[in-house]
PDB file of N, CA and C in Angstrom:
ATOM      1  N   MET A   1      -3.448   5.312  -5.569  1.00  0.00           N
ATOM      2  CA  MET A   1      -2.257   5.711  -6.274  1.00  0.00           C
ATOM      3  C   MET A   1      -1.920   4.634  -7.304  1.00  0.00           C
ATOM      4  N   GLN A   2      -1.539   5.057  -8.463  1.00  0.00           N
ATOM      5  CA  GLN A   2      -1.211   4.136  -9.538  1.00  0.00           C
ATOM      6  C   GLN A   2       0.150   3.489  -9.303  1.00  0.00           C
ATOM      7  N   ALA A   3       0.342   2.301  -9.848  1.00  0.00           N
ATOM      8  CA  ALA A   3       1.595   1.571  -9.668  1.00  0.00           C
ATOM      9  C   ALA A   3       2.766   2.348 -10.265  1.00  0.00           C
ATOM     10  N   LYS A   4       2.535   3.034 -11.365  1.00  0.00           N
ATOM     11  CA  LYS A   4       3.608   3.813 -11.987  1.00  0.00           C
ATOM     12  C   LYS A   4       4.094   4.904 -11.038  1.00  0.00           C
ATOM     13  N   ALA A   5       3.183   5.562 -10.377  1.00  0.00           N
ATOM     14  CA  ALA A   5       3.554   6.608  -9.422  1.00  0.00           C
ATOM     15  C   ALA A   5       4.271   6.006  -8.220  1.00  0.00           C
ATOM     16  N   LEU A   6       3.858   4.810  -7.804  1.00  0.00           N
ATOM     17  CA  LEU A   6       4.517   4.154  -6.677  1.00  0.00           C
ATOM     18  C   LEU A   6       5.944   3.761  -7.027  1.00  0.00           C
ATOM     19  N   ARG A   7       6.161   3.351  -8.270  1.00  0.00           N
ATOM     20  CA  ARG A   7       7.510   2.961  -8.686  1.00  0.00           C
ATOM     21  C   ARG A   7       8.453   4.157  -8.710  1.00  0.00           C
ATOM     22  N   ASP A   8       7.915   5.360  -8.851  1.00  0.00           N
ATOM     23  CA  ASP A   8       8.738   6.569  -8.874  1.00  0.00           C
ATOM     24  C   ASP A   8       9.187   6.994  -7.477  1.00  0.00           C
ATOM     25  N   LEU A   9       8.550   6.467  -6.428  1.00  0.00           N
ATOM     26  CA  LEU A   9       8.913   6.830  -5.059  1.00  0.00           C
ATOM     27  C   LEU A   9      10.192   6.119  -4.644  1.00  0.00           C
ATOM     28  N   ASP A  10      10.964   6.750  -3.754  1.00  0.00           N
ATOM     29  CA  ASP A  10      12.134   6.052  -3.220  1.00  0.00           C
ATOM     30  C   ASP A  10      11.695   5.136  -2.076  1.00  0.00           C
ATOM     31  N   ASP A  11      12.641   4.369  -1.532  1.00  0.00           N
ATOM     32  CA  ASP A  11      12.297   3.353  -0.533  1.00  0.00           C
ATOM     33  C   ASP A  11      11.677   3.952   0.727  1.00  0.00           C
ATOM     34  N   GLY A  12      12.183   5.083   1.180  1.00  0.00           N
ATOM     35  CA  GLY A  12      11.645   5.719   2.377  1.00  0.00           C
ATOM     36  C   GLY A  12      10.217   6.197   2.184  1.00  0.00           C
ATOM     37  N   GLU A  13       9.965   6.817   1.034  1.00  0.00           N
ATOM     38  CA  GLU A  13       8.615   7.299   0.741  1.00  0.00           C
ATOM     39  C   GLU A  13       7.645   6.135   0.578  1.00  0.00           C
ATOM     40  N   LEU A  14       8.129   5.030   0.005  1.00  0.00           N
ATOM     41  CA  LEU A  14       7.274   3.856  -0.169  1.00  0.00           C
ATOM     42  C   LEU A  14       6.912   3.252   1.186  1.00  0.00           C
ATOM     43  N   ALA A  15       7.877   3.202   2.094  1.00  0.00           N
ATOM     44  CA  ALA A  15       7.600   2.689   3.440  1.00  0.00           C
ATOM     45  C   ALA A  15       6.610   3.595   4.166  1.00  0.00           C
ATOM     46  N   LYS A  16       6.753   4.897   3.984  1.00  0.00           N
ATOM     47  CA  LYS A  16       5.826   5.849   4.600  1.00  0.00           C
ATOM     48  C   LYS A  16       4.422   5.675   4.024  1.00  0.00           C
ATOM     49  N   GLN A  17       4.339   5.440   2.720  1.00  0.00           N
ATOM     50  CA  GLN A  17       3.049   5.212   2.063  1.00  0.00           C
ATOM     51  C   GLN A  17       2.402   3.933   2.598  1.00  0.00           C
ATOM     52  N   LEU A  18       3.200   2.882   2.809  1.00  0.00           N
ATOM     53  CA  LEU A  18       2.676   1.633   3.365  1.00  0.00           C
ATOM     54  C   LEU A  18       2.088   1.851   4.749  1.00  0.00           C
ATOM     55  N   ALA A  19       2.808   2.584   5.585  1.00  0.00           N
ATOM     56  CA  ALA A  19       2.325   2.849   6.940  1.00  0.00           C
ATOM     57  C   ALA A  19       1.023   3.649   6.905  1.00  0.00           C
ATOM     58  N   THR A  20       0.962   4.630   6.034  1.00  0.00           N
ATOM     59  CA  THR A  20      -0.243   5.448   5.909  1.00  0.00           C
ATOM     60  C   THR A  20      -1.436   4.615   5.450  1.00  0.00           C
ATOM     61  N   LEU A  21      -1.216   3.759   4.471  1.00  0.00           N
ATOM     62  CA  LEU A  21      -2.309   2.933   3.953  1.00  0.00           C
ATOM     63  C   LEU A  21      -2.786   1.924   4.988  1.00  0.00           C
ATOM     64  N   ARG A  22      -1.873   1.377   5.769  1.00  0.00           N
ATOM     65  CA  ARG A  22      -2.274   0.429   6.812  1.00  0.00           C
ATOM     66  C   ARG A  22      -3.130   1.119   7.874  1.00  0.00           C
ATOM     67  N   LYS A  23      -2.741   2.342   8.255  1.00  0.00           N
ATOM     68  CA  LYS A  23      -3.531   3.095   9.233  1.00  0.00           C
ATOM     69  C   LYS A  23      -4.906   3.436   8.670  1.00  0.00           C
ATOM     70  N   GLU A  24      -4.929   3.828   7.407  1.00  0.00           N
ATOM     71  CA  GLU A  24      -6.202   4.175   6.768  1.00  0.00           C
ATOM     72  C   GLU A  24      -7.123   2.957   6.715  1.00  0.00           C
ATOM     73  N   LEU A  25      -6.579   1.803   6.338  1.00  0.00           N
ATOM     74  CA  LEU A  25      -7.388   0.589   6.261  1.00  0.00           C
ATOM     75  C   LEU A  25      -7.902   0.192   7.638  1.00  0.00           C
ATOM     76  N   PHE A  26      -7.070   0.328   8.660  1.00  0.00           N
ATOM     77  CA  PHE A  26      -7.506   0.028  10.021  1.00  0.00           C
ATOM     78  C   PHE A  26      -8.675   0.924  10.418  1.00  0.00           C
ATOM     79  N   GLY A  27      -8.547   2.218  10.137  1.00  0.00           N
ATOM     80  CA  GLY A  27      -9.616   3.156  10.468  1.00  0.00           C
ATOM     81  C   GLY A  27     -10.904   2.853   9.721  1.00  0.00           C
ATOM     82  N   LEU A  28     -10.773   2.493   8.450  1.00  0.00           N
ATOM     83  CA  LEU A  28     -11.963   2.161   7.666  1.00  0.00           C
ATOM     84  C   LEU A  28     -12.635   0.894   8.179  1.00  0.00           C
ATOM     85  N   ARG A  29     -11.845  -0.107   8.531  1.00  0.00           N
ATOM     86  CA  ARG A  29     -12.425  -1.338   9.073  1.00  0.00           C
ATOM     87  C   ARG A  29     -13.123  -1.073  10.402  1.00  0.00           C
ATOM     88  N   PHE A  30     -12.520  -0.242  11.221  1.00  0.00           N
ATOM     89  CA  PHE A  30     -13.116   0.104  12.505  1.00  0.00           C
ATOM     90  C   PHE A  30     -14.440   0.839  12.295  1.00  0.00           C
ATOM     91  N   ALA A  31     -14.430   1.810  11.383  1.00  0.00           N
ATOM     92  CA  ALA A  31     -15.649   2.568  11.105  1.00  0.00           C
ATOM     93  C   ALA A  31     -16.729   1.663  10.518  1.00  0.00           C
ATOM     94  N   HIS A  32     -16.334   0.723   9.690  1.00  0.00           N
ATOM     95  CA  HIS A  32     -17.306  -0.206   9.103  1.00  0.00           C
ATOM     96  C   HIS A  32     -17.911  -1.109  10.176  1.00  0.00           C
ATOM     97  N   ALA A  33     -17.081  -1.574  11.100  1.00  0.00           N
ATOM     98  CA  ALA A  33     -17.560  -2.471  12.157  1.00  0.00           C
ATOM     99  C   ALA A  33     -18.505  -1.756  13.113  1.00  0.00           C
ATOM    100  N   THR A  34     -18.285  -0.469  13.330  1.00  0.00           N
ATOM    101  CA  THR A  34     -19.141   0.282  14.243  1.00  0.00           C
ATOM    102  C   THR A  34     -20.350   0.894  13.541  1.00  0.00           C
ATOM    103  N   GLY A  35     -20.436   0.711  12.225  1.00  0.00           N
ATOM    104  CA  GLY A  35     -21.579   1.217  11.480  1.00  0.00           C
ATOM    105  C   GLY A  35     -21.485   2.679  11.113  1.00  0.00           C
ATOM    106  N   GLU A  36     -20.327   3.285  11.236  1.00  0.00           N
ATOM    107  CA  GLU A  36     -20.163   4.707  10.938  1.00  0.00           C
ATOM    108  C   GLU A  36     -19.762   4.967   9.490  1.00  0.00           C
ATOM    109  N   LEU A  37     -19.413   3.925   8.762  1.00  0.00           N
ATOM    110  CA  LEU A  37     -18.899   4.093   7.408  1.00  0.00           C
ATOM    111  C   LEU A  37     -20.050   4.108   6.410  1.00  0.00           C
ATOM    112  N   ASP A  38     -20.148   5.197   5.652  1.00  0.00           N
ATOM    113  CA  ASP A  38     -21.190   5.308   4.638  1.00  0.00           C
ATOM    114  C   ASP A  38     -20.743   4.683   3.316  1.00  0.00           C
ATOM    115  N   ASP A  39     -19.498   4.914   2.948  1.00  0.00           N
ATOM    116  CA  ASP A  39     -18.958   4.415   1.681  1.00  0.00           C
ATOM    117  C   ASP A  39     -18.218   3.104   1.938  1.00  0.00           C
ATOM    118  N   THR A  40     -18.948   2.006   1.888  1.00  0.00           N
ATOM    119  CA  THR A  40     -18.331   0.712   2.200  1.00  0.00           C
ATOM    120  C   THR A  40     -17.341   0.269   1.131  1.00  0.00           C
ATOM    121  N   ALA A  41     -17.421   0.823  -0.056  1.00  0.00           N
ATOM    122  CA  ALA A  41     -16.470   0.487  -1.115  1.00  0.00           C
ATOM    123  C   ALA A  41     -15.083   1.043  -0.814  1.00  0.00           C
ATOM    124  N   ALA A  42     -14.989   1.986   0.110  1.00  0.00           N
ATOM    125  CA  ALA A  42     -13.696   2.563   0.472  1.00  0.00           C
ATOM    126  C   ALA A  42     -12.772   1.515   1.072  1.00  0.00           C
ATOM    127  N   VAL A  43     -13.332   0.527   1.751  1.00  0.00           N
ATOM    128  CA  VAL A  43     -12.513  -0.544   2.328  1.00  0.00           C
ATOM    129  C   VAL A  43     -11.836  -1.325   1.210  1.00  0.00           C
ATOM    130  N   GLY A  44     -12.563  -1.661   0.187  1.00  0.00           N
ATOM    131  CA  GLY A  44     -11.998  -2.394  -0.946  1.00  0.00           C
ATOM    132  C   GLY A  44     -10.944  -1.598  -1.682  1.00  0.00           C
ATOM    133  N   ARG A  45     -11.205  -0.301  -1.866  1.00  0.00           N
ATOM    134  CA  ARG A  45     -10.215   0.551  -2.529  1.00  0.00           C
ATOM    135  C   ARG A  45      -8.942   0.633  -1.711  1.00  0.00           C
ATOM    136  N   ALA A  46      -9.080   0.756  -0.397  1.00  0.00           N
ATOM    137  CA  ALA A  46      -7.909   0.837   0.473  1.00  0.00           C
ATOM    138  C   ALA A  46      -7.122  -0.472   0.437  1.00  0.00           C
ATOM    139  N   ARG A  47      -7.834  -1.598   0.413  1.00  0.00           N
ATOM    140  CA  ARG A  47      -7.162  -2.899   0.334  1.00  0.00           C
ATOM    141  C   ARG A  47      -6.378  -3.027  -0.967  1.00  0.00           C
ATOM    142  N   ARG A  48      -6.966  -2.592  -2.069  1.00  0.00           N
ATOM    143  CA  ARG A  48      -6.276  -2.672  -3.359  1.00  0.00           C
ATOM    144  C   ARG A  48      -5.075  -1.737  -3.404  1.00  0.00           C
ATOM    145  N   ASP A  49      -5.205  -0.535  -2.837  1.00  0.00           N
ATOM    146  CA  ASP A  49      -4.069   0.385  -2.781  1.00  0.00           C
ATOM    147  C   ASP A  49      -2.931  -0.207  -1.963  1.00  0.00           C
ATOM    148  N   LEU A  50      -3.275  -0.824  -0.833  1.00  0.00           N
ATOM    149  CA  LEU A  50      -2.258  -1.455   0.007  1.00  0.00           C
ATOM    150  C   LEU A  50      -1.595  -2.607  -0.741  1.00  0.00           C
ATOM    151  N   ALA A  51      -2.378  -3.432  -1.409  1.00  0.00           N
ATOM    152  CA  ALA A  51      -1.827  -4.558  -2.162  1.00  0.00           C
ATOM    153  C   ALA A  51      -0.929  -4.074  -3.292  1.00  0.00           C
ATOM    154  N   ARG A  52      -1.330  -3.010  -3.963  1.00  0.00           N
ATOM    155  CA  ARG A  52      -0.526  -2.451  -5.048  1.00  0.00           C
ATOM    156  C   ARG A  52       0.816  -1.960  -4.514  1.00  0.00           C
ATOM    157  N   THR A  53       0.793  -1.306  -3.373  1.00  0.00           N
ATOM    158  CA  THR A  53       2.017  -0.788  -2.771  1.00  0.00           C
ATOM    159  C   THR A  53       2.920  -1.926  -2.308  1.00  0.00           C
ATOM    160  N   LEU A  54       2.336  -2.953  -1.708  1.00  0.00           N
ATOM    161  CA  LEU A  54       3.124  -4.110  -1.288  1.00  0.00           C
ATOM    162  C   LEU A  54       3.733  -4.835  -2.487  1.00  0.00           C
ATOM    163  N   THR A  55       3.025  -4.864  -3.599  1.00  0.00           N
ATOM    164  CA  THR A  55       3.545  -5.494  -4.808  1.00  0.00           C
ATOM    165  C   THR A  55       4.767  -4.753  -5.319  1.00  0.00           C
ATOM    166  N   VAL A  56       4.718  -3.438  -5.331  1.00  0.00           N
ATOM    167  CA  VAL A  56       5.863  -2.645  -5.784  1.00  0.00           C
ATOM    168  C   VAL A  56       7.048  -2.853  -4.842  1.00  0.00           C
ATOM    169  N   ALA A  57       6.792  -2.921  -3.545  1.00  0.00           N
ATOM    170  CA  ALA A  57       7.870  -3.160  -2.580  1.00  0.00           C
ATOM    171  C   ALA A  57       8.499  -4.532  -2.813  1.00  0.00           C
ATOM    172  N   ARG A  58       7.678  -5.532  -3.081  1.00  0.00           N
ATOM    173  CA  ARG A  58       8.192  -6.879  -3.336  1.00  0.00           C
ATOM    174  C   ARG A  58       8.966  -6.928  -4.646  1.00  0.00           C
ATOM    175  N   GLU A  59       8.522  -6.209  -5.661  1.00  0.00           N
ATOM    176  CA  GLU A  59       9.263  -6.136  -6.923  1.00  0.00           C
ATOM    177  C   GLU A  59      10.668  -5.608  -6.679  1.00  0.00           C
ATOM    178  N   ARG A  60      10.769  -4.607  -5.828  1.00  0.00           N
ATOM    179  CA  ARG A  60      12.086  -4.039  -5.524  1.00  0.00           C
ATOM    180  C   ARG A  60      12.965  -5.040  -4.799  1.00  0.00           C
ATOM    181  N   GLU A  61      12.386  -5.799  -3.879  1.00  0.00           N
ATOM    182  CA  GLU A  61      13.156  -6.822  -3.172  1.00  0.00           C
ATOM    183  C   GLU A  61      13.695  -7.859  -4.152  1.00  0.00           C
ATOM    184  N   LEU A  62      12.851  -8.304  -5.056  1.00  0.00           N
ATOM    185  CA  LEU A  62      13.261  -9.340  -6.002  1.00  0.00           C
ATOM    186  C   LEU A  62      14.313  -8.834  -6.982  1.00  0.00           C
ATOM    187  N   THR A  63      14.180  -7.604  -7.456  1.00  0.00           N
ATOM    188  CA  THR A  63      15.184  -7.076  -8.377  1.00  0.00           C
ATOM    189  C   THR A  63      16.505  -6.850  -7.659  1.00  0.00           C
ATOM    190  N   ALA A  64      16.459  -6.515  -6.381  1.00  0.00           N
ATOM    191  CA  ALA A  64      17.697  -6.344  -5.615  1.00  0.00           C
ATOM    192  C   ALA A  64      18.403  -7.684  -5.435  1.00  0.00           C
ATOM    193  N   GLU A  65      17.633  -8.762  -5.275  1.00  0.00           N
ATOM    194  CA  GLU A  65      18.229 -10.085  -5.131  1.00  0.00           C
ATOM    195  C   GLU A  65      18.851 -10.559  -6.438  1.00  0.00           C
ATOM    196  N   LEU A  66      18.280 -10.170  -7.562  1.00  0.00           N
ATOM    197  CA  LEU A  66      18.777 -10.621  -8.855  1.00  0.00           C
ATOM    198  C   LEU A  66      19.980  -9.839  -9.344  1.00  0.00           C
ATOM    199  N   GLN A  67      20.218  -8.668  -8.779  1.00  0.00           N
ATOM    200  CA  GLN A  67      21.351  -7.855  -9.193  1.00  0.00           C
ATOM    201  C   GLN A  67      22.650  -8.565  -8.833  1.00  0.00           C
ATOM    202  N   PRO A  68      23.578  -8.670  -9.779  1.00  0.00           N
ATOM    203  CA  PRO A  68      24.862  -9.324  -9.461  1.00  0.00           C
ATOM    204  C   PRO A  68      25.659  -8.475  -8.477  1.00  0.00           C
ATOM    205  N   ARG A  69      26.224  -9.149  -7.526  1.00  0.00           N
ATOM    206  CA  ARG A  69      27.012  -8.443  -6.509  1.00  0.00           C
ATOM    207  C   ARG A  69      28.451  -8.353  -6.973  1.00  0.00           C
ATOM    208  N   SER A  70      28.995  -7.164  -6.932  1.00  0.00           N
ATOM    209  CA  SER A  70      30.375  -6.960  -7.382  1.00  0.00           C
ATOM    210  C   SER A  70      31.307  -6.823  -6.218  1.00  0.00           C
TER     211      SER A  70
END
């Protein structure tokens, strides 16, 4: 998923996406360790998707901290 599309998600959907990506990465690592994974590049793609999603979540945290409190 592209970062632009991730930025369009609300906080709940972003958290759900994070959970889904973590489960997917776990499954891919397990399949790779047991020798069942044919597309080994899928692990790298999943890692990058997870990192991209975590980056968007962190951007939101930082912008929330910078917002002046009224």
